[in-house]
Amino acid sequence: MEYAALIGGPRDGQRLDVTGSAQQLVDGAALITELGAYGPGRRTHYEGQPGAPDRLHWVGDIP
């Protein structure tokens, strides 16, 4: 299994299973969270950086 660390935002410190899709996450992922700015069940956006598929950085919450 491959994991990416979530950096910043409401899911900071958590790890996301990215097995088979790590490189695709450079474009980002909208993850469901209970702790975001817009309330439970909403999404928060994380993006990767080229060359570092094991780290996803928080971009912001999605209303």
C-alpha atoms as a PDB file:
ATOM      1  CA  MET A   1       0.000   0.000   0.000  1.00  0.00           C
ATOM      2  CA  GLU A   2       1.043   3.590  -0.649  1.00  0.00           C
ATOM      3  CA  TYR A   3       0.054   6.475   1.602  1.00  0.00           C
ATOM      4  CA  ALA A   4       0.215  10.248   1.315  1.00  0.00           C
ATOM      5  CA  ALA A   5       0.479  12.545   4.331  1.00  0.00           C
ATOM      6  CA  LEU A   6      -2.145  15.306   4.518  1.00  0.00           C
ATOM      7  CA  ILE A   7      -0.480  18.615   5.386  1.00  0.00           C
ATOM      8  CA  GLY A   8      -2.505  21.491   6.890  1.00  0.00           C
ATOM      9  CA  GLY A   9      -6.254  22.001   7.005  1.00  0.00           C
ATOM     10  CA  PRO A  10      -8.859  19.997   8.891  1.00  0.00           C
ATOM     11  CA  ARG A  11      -7.288  16.613   8.077  1.00  0.00           C
ATOM     12  CA  ASP A  12      -3.715  17.635   8.973  1.00  0.00           C
ATOM     13  CA  GLY A  13      -1.578  14.719  10.092  1.00  0.00           C
ATOM     14  CA  GLN A  14      -3.850  12.045   8.635  1.00  0.00           C
ATOM     15  CA  ARG A  15      -2.695   9.666   5.937  1.00  0.00           C
ATOM     16  CA  LEU A  16      -4.612   8.854   2.754  1.00  0.00           C
ATOM     17  CA  ASP A  17      -4.342   5.521   0.947  1.00  0.00           C
ATOM     18  CA  VAL A  18      -3.209   6.454  -2.578  1.00  0.00           C
ATOM     19  CA  THR A  19      -2.319   2.977  -3.792  1.00  0.00           C
ATOM     20  CA  GLY A  20      -2.292   3.070  -7.589  1.00  0.00           C
ATOM     21  CA  SER A  21      -3.280   6.726  -7.819  1.00  0.00           C
ATOM     22  CA  ALA A  22      -0.493   8.704  -6.106  1.00  0.00           C
ATOM     23  CA  GLN A  23       0.635  10.537  -9.262  1.00  0.00           C
ATOM     24  CA  GLN A  24      -2.947  11.457 -10.231  1.00  0.00           C
ATOM     25  CA  LEU A  25      -3.305  13.353  -6.954  1.00  0.00           C
ATOM     26  CA  VAL A  26      -0.955  16.090  -8.133  1.00  0.00           C
ATOM     27  CA  ASP A  27      -4.192  17.582  -9.540  1.00  0.00           C
ATOM     28  CA  GLY A  28      -5.820  17.267  -6.137  1.00  0.00           C
ATOM     29  CA  ALA A  29      -8.509  15.504  -4.199  1.00  0.00           C
ATOM     30  CA  ALA A  30     -11.705  16.719  -2.556  1.00  0.00           C
ATOM     31  CA  LEU A  31     -12.039  14.765   0.685  1.00  0.00           C
ATOM     32  CA  ILE A  32     -15.086  14.561   2.933  1.00  0.00           C
ATOM     33  CA  THR A  33     -14.438  15.977   6.390  1.00  0.00           C
ATOM     34  CA  GLU A  34     -16.370  16.543   9.593  1.00  0.00           C
ATOM     35  CA  LEU A  35     -14.084  19.404  10.654  1.00  0.00           C
ATOM     36  CA  GLY A  36     -14.132  21.835   7.712  1.00  0.00           C
ATOM     37  CA  ALA A  37     -15.149  25.483   7.717  1.00  0.00           C
ATOM     38  CA  TYR A  38     -18.544  24.718   6.144  1.00  0.00           C
ATOM     39  CA  GLY A  39     -19.701  22.056   8.575  1.00  0.00           C
ATOM     40  CA  PRO A  40     -19.836  18.274   8.779  1.00  0.00           C
ATOM     41  CA  GLY A  41     -20.074  16.220   5.618  1.00  0.00           C
ATOM     42  CA  ARG A  42     -18.545  18.919   3.400  1.00  0.00           C
ATOM     43  CA  ARG A  43     -15.315  18.643   1.455  1.00  0.00           C
ATOM     44  CA  THR A  44     -11.821  19.963   1.869  1.00  0.00           C
ATOM     45  CA  HIS A  45      -9.374  20.229  -1.028  1.00  0.00           C
ATOM     46  CA  TYR A  46      -5.793  18.910  -0.989  1.00  0.00           C
ATOM     47  CA  GLU A  47      -3.274  18.993  -3.843  1.00  0.00           C
ATOM     48  CA  GLY A  48      -0.008  17.239  -4.455  1.00  0.00           C
ATOM     49  CA  GLN A  49       3.174  18.645  -5.898  1.00  0.00           C
ATOM     50  CA  PRO A  50       5.171  17.194  -8.791  1.00  0.00           C
ATOM     51  CA  GLY A  51       7.844  14.868  -7.490  1.00  0.00           C
ATOM     52  CA  ALA A  52       6.250  14.494  -4.044  1.00  0.00           C
ATOM     53  CA  PRO A  53       3.229  12.173  -4.441  1.00  0.00           C
ATOM     54  CA  ASP A  54       3.515  11.165  -0.777  1.00  0.00           C
ATOM     55  CA  ARG A  55       2.430  14.619   0.489  1.00  0.00           C
ATOM     56  CA  LEU A  56      -0.856  16.416  -0.186  1.00  0.00           C
ATOM     57  CA  HIS A  57      -1.141  20.061   0.888  1.00  0.00           C
ATOM     58  CA  TRP A  58      -4.363  21.743   1.973  1.00  0.00           C
ATOM     59  CA  VAL A  59      -5.753  24.296  -0.489  1.00  0.00           C
ATOM     60  CA  GLY A  60      -9.036  25.186   1.206  1.00  0.00           C
ATOM     61  CA  ASP A  61     -12.514  24.031   2.117  1.00  0.00           C
ATOM     62  CA  ILE A  62     -15.330  23.683  -0.408  1.00  0.00           C
ATOM     63  CA  PRO A  63     -18.791  25.036   0.505  1.00  0.00           C
END
